C-alpha atoms as a PDB file:
ATOM      1  CA  UNK A   1      11.187  18.410 -16.670  1.00  0.00           C
ATOM      2  CA  UNK A   2       9.831  16.555 -14.295  1.00  0.00           C
ATOM      3  CA  UNK A   3       9.684  12.644 -14.385  1.00  0.00           C
ATOM      4  CA  UNK A   4       6.133  12.682 -15.162  1.00  0.00           C
ATOM      5  CA  UNK A   5       6.680  15.046 -18.021  1.00  0.00           C
ATOM      6  CA  UNK A   6       9.036  12.382 -19.707  1.00  0.00           C
ATOM      7  CA  UNK A   7       6.949   9.318 -19.492  1.00  0.00           C
ATOM      8  CA  UNK A   8       3.575  11.182 -20.715  1.00  0.00           C
ATOM      9  CA  UNK A   9       5.743  12.604 -23.643  1.00  0.00           C
ATOM     10  CA  UNK A  10       7.297   9.396 -24.675  1.00  0.00           C
ATOM     11  CA  UNK A  11       4.509   7.341 -24.564  1.00  0.00           C
ATOM     12  CA  UNK A  12       2.566  10.075 -26.496  1.00  0.00           C
ATOM     13  CA  UNK A  13       5.092   9.578 -29.209  1.00  0.00           C
ATOM     14  CA  UNK A  14       4.976   5.897 -29.046  1.00  0.00           C
ATOM     15  CA  UNK A  15       1.068   5.856 -29.427  1.00  0.00           C
ATOM     16  CA  UNK A  16       1.209   8.371 -32.308  1.00  0.00           C
ATOM     17  CA  UNK A  17       3.745   5.937 -34.243  1.00  0.00           C
ATOM     18  CA  UNK A  18       1.010   2.983 -33.643  1.00  0.00           C
ATOM     19  CA  UNK A  19       3.380   1.090 -31.465  1.00  0.00           C
ATOM     20  CA  UNK A  20       2.018  -1.175 -28.618  1.00  0.00           C
ATOM     21  CA  UNK A  21       3.586  -0.960 -25.511  1.00  0.00           C
ATOM     22  CA  UNK A  22       4.331  -4.703 -24.176  1.00  0.00           C
ATOM     23  CA  UNK A  23       6.008  -3.454 -21.132  1.00  0.00           C
ATOM     24  CA  UNK A  24       7.527  -0.234 -19.938  1.00  0.00           C
ATOM     25  CA  UNK A  25      10.979  -0.951 -18.161  1.00  0.00           C
ATOM     26  CA  UNK A  26      12.341   2.166 -16.140  1.00  0.00           C
ATOM     27  CA  UNK A  27      14.642   3.454 -13.976  1.00  0.00           C
ATOM     28  CA  UNK A  28      14.188   3.521 -10.163  1.00  0.00           C
ATOM     29  CA  UNK A  29      13.887   7.269 -10.382  1.00  0.00           C
ATOM     30  CA  UNK A  30      10.568   7.075 -11.997  1.00  0.00           C
ATOM     31  CA  UNK A  31       9.078   5.461  -8.948  1.00  0.00           C
ATOM     32  CA  UNK A  32       7.323   8.242  -7.976  1.00  0.00           C
ATOM     33  CA  UNK A  33       3.225   8.942  -7.097  1.00  0.00           C
ATOM     34  CA  UNK A  34       2.639  10.650 -10.325  1.00  0.00           C
ATOM     35  CA  UNK A  35       4.273   8.262 -12.738  1.00  0.00           C
ATOM     36  CA  UNK A  36       2.881   5.176 -11.038  1.00  0.00           C
ATOM     37  CA  UNK A  37      -0.595   6.681 -10.956  1.00  0.00           C
ATOM     38  CA  UNK A  38      -0.277   7.680 -14.439  1.00  0.00           C
ATOM     39  CA  UNK A  39       0.840   4.214 -15.515  1.00  0.00           C
ATOM     40  CA  UNK A  40      -2.100   2.598 -13.840  1.00  0.00           C
ATOM     41  CA  UNK A  41      -4.780   4.811 -15.162  1.00  0.00           C
ATOM     42  CA  UNK A  42      -3.275   4.760 -19.042  1.00  0.00           C
ATOM     43  CA  UNK A  43      -3.273   0.790 -18.249  1.00  0.00           C
ATOM     44  CA  UNK A  44       0.423   0.334 -19.515  1.00  0.00           C
ATOM     45  CA  UNK A  45       2.462  -2.524 -18.523  1.00  0.00           C
ATOM     46  CA  UNK A  46       5.373  -1.451 -16.523  1.00  0.00           C
ATOM     47  CA  UNK A  47       8.191  -2.801 -14.246  1.00  0.00           C
ATOM     48  CA  UNK A  48      10.008  -0.178 -12.144  1.00  0.00           C
ATOM     49  CA  UNK A  49      12.578  -0.902  -9.362  1.00  0.00           C
ATOM     50  CA  UNK A  50      11.134   0.449  -5.824  1.00  0.00           C
ATOM     51  CA  UNK A  51      12.863   2.896  -3.861  1.00  0.00           C
ATOM     52  CA  UNK A  52      13.104   1.436  -0.493  1.00  0.00           C
ATOM     53  CA  UNK A  53      12.215   4.128   2.036  1.00  0.00           C
ATOM     54  CA  UNK A  54      10.498   3.986   5.298  1.00  0.00           C
ATOM     55  CA  UNK A  55      10.655   1.153   7.932  1.00  0.00           C
ATOM     56  CA  UNK A  56       7.266  -0.525   6.544  1.00  0.00           C
ATOM     57  CA  UNK A  57       8.897  -0.986   3.215  1.00  0.00           C
ATOM     58  CA  UNK A  58      12.217  -2.383   4.696  1.00  0.00           C
ATOM     59  CA  UNK A  59      10.263  -4.593   6.958  1.00  0.00           C
ATOM     60  CA  UNK A  60       8.141  -5.984   3.933  1.00  0.00           C
ATOM     61  CA  UNK A  61      11.319  -6.829   2.016  1.00  0.00           C
ATOM     62  CA  UNK A  62      13.105  -9.069   4.892  1.00  0.00           C
ATOM     63  CA  UNK A  63      12.165 -12.264   2.784  1.00  0.00           C
ATOM     64  CA  UNK A  64      13.905 -15.284   2.028  1.00  0.00           C
ATOM     65  CA  UNK A  65      11.947 -16.272  -1.296  1.00  0.00           C
ATOM     66  CA  UNK A  66      10.227 -14.394  -4.034  1.00  0.00           C
ATOM     67  CA  UNK A  67       6.886 -13.175  -3.332  1.00  0.00           C
ATOM     68  CA  UNK A  68       4.202 -10.707  -4.131  1.00  0.00           C
ATOM     69  CA  UNK A  69       2.325  -8.016  -2.129  1.00  0.00           C
ATOM     70  CA  UNK A  70       0.244  -5.157  -1.885  1.00  0.00           C
ATOM     71  CA  UNK A  71       1.795  -1.699  -0.732  1.00  0.00           C
ATOM     72  CA  UNK A  72       0.050   1.829  -0.501  1.00  0.00           C
ATOM     73  CA  UNK A  73       1.886   4.804  -1.202  1.00  0.00           C
ATOM     74  CA  UNK A  74       0.941   7.656   0.429  1.00  0.00           C
ATOM     75  CA  UNK A  75       3.024  10.588   0.091  1.00  0.00           C
ATOM     76  CA  UNK A  76       2.211  13.752   2.455  1.00  0.00           C
ATOM     77  CA  UNK A  77      -0.474  15.904   0.720  1.00  0.00           C
ATOM     78  CA  UNK A  78      -1.385  13.244  -1.986  1.00  0.00           C
ATOM     79  CA  UNK A  79      -3.979  10.653  -2.480  1.00  0.00           C
ATOM     80  CA  UNK A  80      -3.015   7.108  -1.373  1.00  0.00           C
ATOM     81  CA  UNK A  81      -1.955   5.023  -4.316  1.00  0.00           C
ATOM     82  CA  UNK A  82      -2.281   1.090  -4.101  1.00  0.00           C
ATOM     83  CA  UNK A  83       0.649  -0.597  -5.748  1.00  0.00           C
ATOM     84  CA  UNK A  84       1.604  -4.267  -6.544  1.00  0.00           C
ATOM     85  CA  UNK A  85       5.042  -5.111  -5.577  1.00  0.00           C
ATOM     86  CA  UNK A  86       7.025  -8.127  -6.871  1.00  0.00           C
ATOM     87  CA  UNK A  87      10.030  -9.387  -5.093  1.00  0.00           C
ATOM     88  CA  UNK A  88      12.500 -11.277  -6.781  1.00  0.00           C
ATOM     89  CA  UNK A  89      15.043 -13.114  -4.721  1.00  0.00           C
ATOM     90  CA  UNK A  90      18.070 -14.719  -6.209  1.00  0.00           C
ATOM     91  CA  UNK A  91      20.879 -16.809  -4.145  1.00  0.00           C
ATOM     92  CA  UNK A  92      24.201 -15.728  -5.594  1.00  0.00           C
ATOM     93  CA  UNK A  93      25.889 -18.921  -5.026  1.00  0.00           C
ATOM     94  CA  UNK A  94      29.560 -17.456  -5.392  1.00  0.00           C
ATOM     95  CA  UNK A  95      28.368 -15.294  -8.415  1.00  0.00           C
ATOM     96  CA  UNK A  96      30.081 -11.743  -8.293  1.00  0.00           C
ATOM     97  CA  UNK A  97      32.211 -13.627  -5.603  1.00  0.00           C
ATOM     98  CA  UNK A  98      29.546 -13.286  -3.051  1.00  0.00           C
ATOM     99  CA  UNK A  99      27.189 -16.255  -1.428  1.00  0.00           C
ATOM    100  CA  UNK A 100      24.042 -14.317   0.014  1.00  0.00           C
ATOM    101  CA  UNK A 101      20.461 -13.440  -1.184  1.00  0.00           C
ATOM    102  CA  UNK A 102      20.112 -10.802  -3.634  1.00  0.00           C
ATOM    103  CA  UNK A 103      16.696  -9.272  -3.179  1.00  0.00           C
ATOM    104  CA  UNK A 104      15.169  -6.982  -5.810  1.00  0.00           C
ATOM    105  CA  UNK A 105      11.605  -5.258  -5.333  1.00  0.00           C
ATOM    106  CA  UNK A 106       9.538  -3.777  -8.112  1.00  0.00           C
ATOM    107  CA  UNK A 107       6.490  -1.887  -8.551  1.00  0.00           C
ATOM    108  CA  UNK A 108       4.653  -3.752 -11.608  1.00  0.00           C
ATOM    109  CA  UNK A 109       1.432  -3.382 -13.570  1.00  0.00           C
ATOM    110  CA  UNK A 110       0.253  -6.304 -15.556  1.00  0.00           C
ATOM    111  CA  UNK A 111       2.491  -8.905 -14.197  1.00  0.00           C
ATOM    112  CA  UNK A 112       2.398 -10.873 -10.773  1.00  0.00           C
ATOM    113  CA  UNK A 113       5.052 -13.697 -11.450  1.00  0.00           C
ATOM    114  CA  UNK A 114       8.422 -12.928 -10.028  1.00  0.00           C
ATOM    115  CA  UNK A 115      10.251 -15.096 -12.377  1.00  0.00           C
ATOM    116  CA  UNK A 116       8.851 -13.295 -15.531  1.00  0.00           C
ATOM    117  CA  UNK A 117       9.485  -9.887 -13.931  1.00  0.00           C
ATOM    118  CA  UNK A 118      13.255 -10.678 -13.228  1.00  0.00           C
ATOM    119  CA  UNK A 119      13.662 -12.130 -16.861  1.00  0.00           C
ATOM    120  CA  UNK A 120      11.937  -9.050 -18.386  1.00  0.00           C
ATOM    121  CA  UNK A 121      13.841  -6.289 -16.716  1.00  0.00           C
ATOM    122  CA  UNK A 122      17.044  -8.191 -16.975  1.00  0.00           C
ATOM    123  CA  UNK A 123      16.461  -7.551 -20.870  1.00  0.00           C
ATOM    124  CA  UNK A 124      16.933  -3.710 -20.022  1.00  0.00           C
ATOM    125  CA  UNK A 125      20.303  -4.423 -18.361  1.00  0.00           C
ATOM    126  CA  UNK A 126      21.453  -6.215 -21.248  1.00  0.00           C
ATOM    127  CA  UNK A 127      20.467  -3.081 -23.481  1.00  0.00           C
ATOM    128  CA  UNK A 128      22.238  -0.531 -20.885  1.00  0.00           C
ATOM    129  CA  UNK A 129      25.318  -2.926 -21.146  1.00  0.00           C
ATOM    130  CA  UNK A 130      24.965  -2.900 -25.053  1.00  0.00           C
ATOM    131  CA  UNK A 131      25.315   0.929 -25.124  1.00  0.00           C
ATOM    132  CA  UNK A 132      27.992   1.055 -22.535  1.00  0.00           C
ATOM    133  CA  UNK A 133      30.119  -1.300 -24.588  1.00  0.00           C
ATOM    134  CA  UNK A 134      29.285   0.772 -27.668  1.00  0.00           C
ATOM    135  CA  UNK A 135      30.600   3.682 -26.327  1.00  0.00           C
ATOM    136  CA  UNK A 136      34.073   2.093 -26.134  1.00  0.00           C
ATOM    137  CA  UNK A 137      34.279   1.160 -29.636  1.00  0.00           C
ATOM    138  CA  UNK A 138      32.520   4.158 -31.187  1.00  0.00           C
ATOM    139  CA  UNK A 139      34.629   6.884 -33.123  1.00  0.00           C
ATOM    140  CA  UNK A 140      34.496  10.172 -31.346  1.00  0.00           C
ATOM    141  CA  UNK A 141      33.483  13.347 -33.696  1.00  0.00           C
ATOM    142  CA  UNK A 142      32.703  16.594 -33.556  1.00  0.00           C
ATOM    143  CA  UNK A 143      30.350  16.624 -36.508  1.00  0.00           C
ATOM    144  CA  UNK A 144      26.875  17.612 -35.665  1.00  0.00           C
ATOM    145  CA  UNK A 145      25.372  15.500 -38.961  1.00  0.00           C
ATOM    146  CA  UNK A 146      22.952  13.101 -37.588  1.00  0.00           C
ATOM    147  CA  UNK A 147      23.851  11.123 -40.735  1.00  0.00           C
ATOM    148  CA  UNK A 148      27.746  10.825 -39.353  1.00  0.00           C
ATOM    149  CA  UNK A 149      26.927  10.215 -35.954  1.00  0.00           C
ATOM    150  CA  UNK A 150      24.397   7.459 -37.062  1.00  0.00           C
ATOM    151  CA  UNK A 151      26.957   5.732 -39.271  1.00  0.00           C
ATOM    152  CA  UNK A 152      29.482   5.592 -36.353  1.00  0.00           C
ATOM    153  CA  UNK A 153      26.956   3.858 -33.942  1.00  0.00           C
ATOM    154  CA  UNK A 154      26.146   1.368 -36.607  1.00  0.00           C
ATOM    155  CA  UNK A 155      29.917   0.454 -37.195  1.00  0.00           C
ATOM    156  CA  UNK A 156      30.267   0.540 -33.401  1.00  0.00           C
ATOM    157  CA  UNK A 157      27.215  -2.062 -33.228  1.00  0.00           C
ATOM    158  CA  UNK A 158      28.767  -4.085 -35.804  1.00  0.00           C
ATOM    159  CA  UNK A 159      32.210  -4.270 -34.242  1.00  0.00           C
ATOM    160  CA  UNK A 160      30.243  -5.649 -31.008  1.00  0.00           C
ATOM    161  CA  UNK A 161      28.077  -8.095 -32.904  1.00  0.00           C
ATOM    162  CA  UNK A 162      31.057  -9.662 -34.507  1.00  0.00           C
ATOM    163  CA  UNK A 163      32.489 -10.037 -31.125  1.00  0.00           C
ATOM    164  CA  UNK A 164      29.634 -11.786 -29.576  1.00  0.00           C
ATOM    165  CA  UNK A 165      29.542 -14.093 -32.969  1.00  0.00           C
ATOM    166  CA  UNK A 166      32.992 -15.213 -32.121  1.00  0.00           C
ATOM    167  CA  UNK A 167      32.231 -15.612 -28.097  1.00  0.00           C
ATOM    168  CA  UNK A 168      29.179 -17.912 -29.147  1.00  0.00           C
ATOM    169  CA  UNK A 169      31.382 -19.617 -31.722  1.00  0.00           C
ATOM    170  CA  UNK A 170      34.623 -20.292 -29.596  1.00  0.00           C
ATOM    171  CA  UNK A 171      34.236 -19.533 -26.314  1.00  0.00           C
ATOM    172  CA  UNK A 172      31.106 -21.594 -25.110  1.00  0.00           C
ATOM    173  CA  UNK A 173      31.317 -23.559 -21.644  1.00  0.00           C
ATOM    174  CA  UNK A 174      31.304 -27.352 -22.307  1.00  0.00           C
ATOM    175  CA  UNK A 175      28.449 -28.320 -20.449  1.00  0.00           C
ATOM    176  CA  UNK A 176      24.893 -29.963 -20.550  1.00  0.00           C
ATOM    177  CA  UNK A 177      22.097 -27.627 -20.931  1.00  0.00           C
ATOM    178  CA  UNK A 178      21.758 -24.270 -22.470  1.00  0.00           C
ATOM    179  CA  UNK A 179      24.792 -22.805 -24.163  1.00  0.00           C
ATOM    180  CA  UNK A 180      26.624 -20.374 -21.654  1.00  0.00           C
ATOM    181  CA  UNK A 181      29.444 -17.887 -22.961  1.00  0.00           C
ATOM    182  CA  UNK A 182      32.824 -18.059 -20.603  1.00  0.00           C
ATOM    183  CA  UNK A 183      32.986 -14.180 -20.659  1.00  0.00           C
ATOM    184  CA  UNK A 184      36.319 -14.138 -18.824  1.00  0.00           C
ATOM    185  CA  UNK A 185      38.106 -16.085 -21.909  1.00  0.00           C
ATOM    186  CA  UNK A 186      37.652 -13.223 -24.624  1.00  0.00           C
ATOM    187  CA  UNK A 187      36.896 -10.064 -23.387  1.00  0.00           C
ATOM    188  CA  UNK A 188      35.813  -6.998 -25.585  1.00  0.00           C
ATOM    189  CA  UNK A 189      38.795  -5.072 -24.720  1.00  0.00           C
ATOM    190  CA  UNK A 190      41.002  -8.157 -25.789  1.00  0.00           C
ATOM    191  CA  UNK A 191      39.118  -8.102 -29.208  1.00  0.00           C
ATOM    192  CA  UNK A 192      39.650  -4.583 -29.766  1.00  0.00           C
ATOM    193  CA  UNK A 193      43.543  -4.745 -29.110  1.00  0.00           C
ATOM    194  CA  UNK A 194      43.623  -7.728 -31.493  1.00  0.00           C
ATOM    195  CA  UNK A 195      41.512  -5.794 -34.055  1.00  0.00           C
ATOM    196  CA  UNK A 196      43.818  -2.439 -33.736  1.00  0.00           C
ATOM    197  CA  UNK A 197      46.817  -4.634 -33.958  1.00  0.00           C
ATOM    198  CA  UNK A 198      45.708  -6.062 -37.208  1.00  0.00           C
ATOM    199  CA  UNK A 199      44.496  -2.473 -38.617  1.00  0.00           C
ATOM    200  CA  UNK A 200      48.014  -1.141 -37.660  1.00  0.00           C
ATOM    201  CA  UNK A 201      49.829  -3.577 -39.575  1.00  0.00           C
ATOM    202  CA  UNK A 202      47.452  -3.666 -42.571  1.00  0.00           C
ATOM    203  CA  UNK A 203      47.589   0.311 -42.986  1.00  0.00           C
ATOM    204  CA  UNK A 204      50.954   0.519 -41.678  1.00  0.00           C
ATOM    205  CA  UNK A 205      50.397   2.894 -38.794  1.00  0.00           C
ATOM    206  CA  UNK A 206      53.503   3.571 -36.865  1.00  0.00           C
ATOM    207  CA  UNK A 207      53.512   3.009 -32.944  1.00  0.00           C
ATOM    208  CA  UNK A 208      52.489   6.025 -31.006  1.00  0.00           C
ATOM    209  CA  UNK A 209      50.786   8.069 -33.860  1.00  0.00           C
ATOM    210  CA  UNK A 210      47.410   6.990 -33.161  1.00  0.00           C
ATOM    211  CA  UNK A 211      45.690   4.891 -30.228  1.00  0.00           C
ATOM    212  CA  UNK A 212      42.203   3.420 -29.896  1.00  0.00           C
ATOM    213  CA  UNK A 213      41.794   6.324 -27.055  1.00  0.00           C
ATOM    214  CA  UNK A 214      42.603   9.395 -29.478  1.00  0.00           C
ATOM    215  CA  UNK A 215      40.884   8.395 -32.513  1.00  0.00           C
ATOM    216  CA  UNK A 216      38.613  11.360 -33.562  1.00  0.00           C
ATOM    217  CA  UNK A 217      36.703  11.776 -36.894  1.00  0.00           C
ATOM    218  CA  UNK A 218      35.229  14.971 -38.614  1.00  0.00           C
END
């Protein structure tokens, strides 16, 4: 199935449910002529990371501050398509042990403010991170029952939410301004090991019989 087929099918389902799309944030793989053209014609607000291909795009992205510009996508054999490109530039300031400019370019529809675009797309990264963390605490199962699998997903999110609550309560940096969690002080792996140690004592589980990595439920 082509990328455009995924997008059209999902948007059809969304509209059938009576849900309004505030903004569609999707992967770089969807940065294609067909998808961009469909989203524009359907007037769906969107943010899609740009695939940096060709000397022209590379030259346009040699910037030192956030900006916007128009770009013409013209693959061979297809009609030229005008795109609005928003470039978000951040100075890492030691973040990730790096001190340099971090440049992200997005094809957008309905937005032109780089700060707004960057902030909205960051929410998508947060959702992905939540799912990755969920997979590290969700019990594995061979059951094909959707009720069982959904139950384990809910349990995993409850565990994750409890960890986040503890972070906000006990591991916030002491500083003026907005609250910021000191993520290195209480990692999720640490929380899982503490919880597992408590459960082993509570249910008197011998060492080596069951571990976090081999729990399987049917």
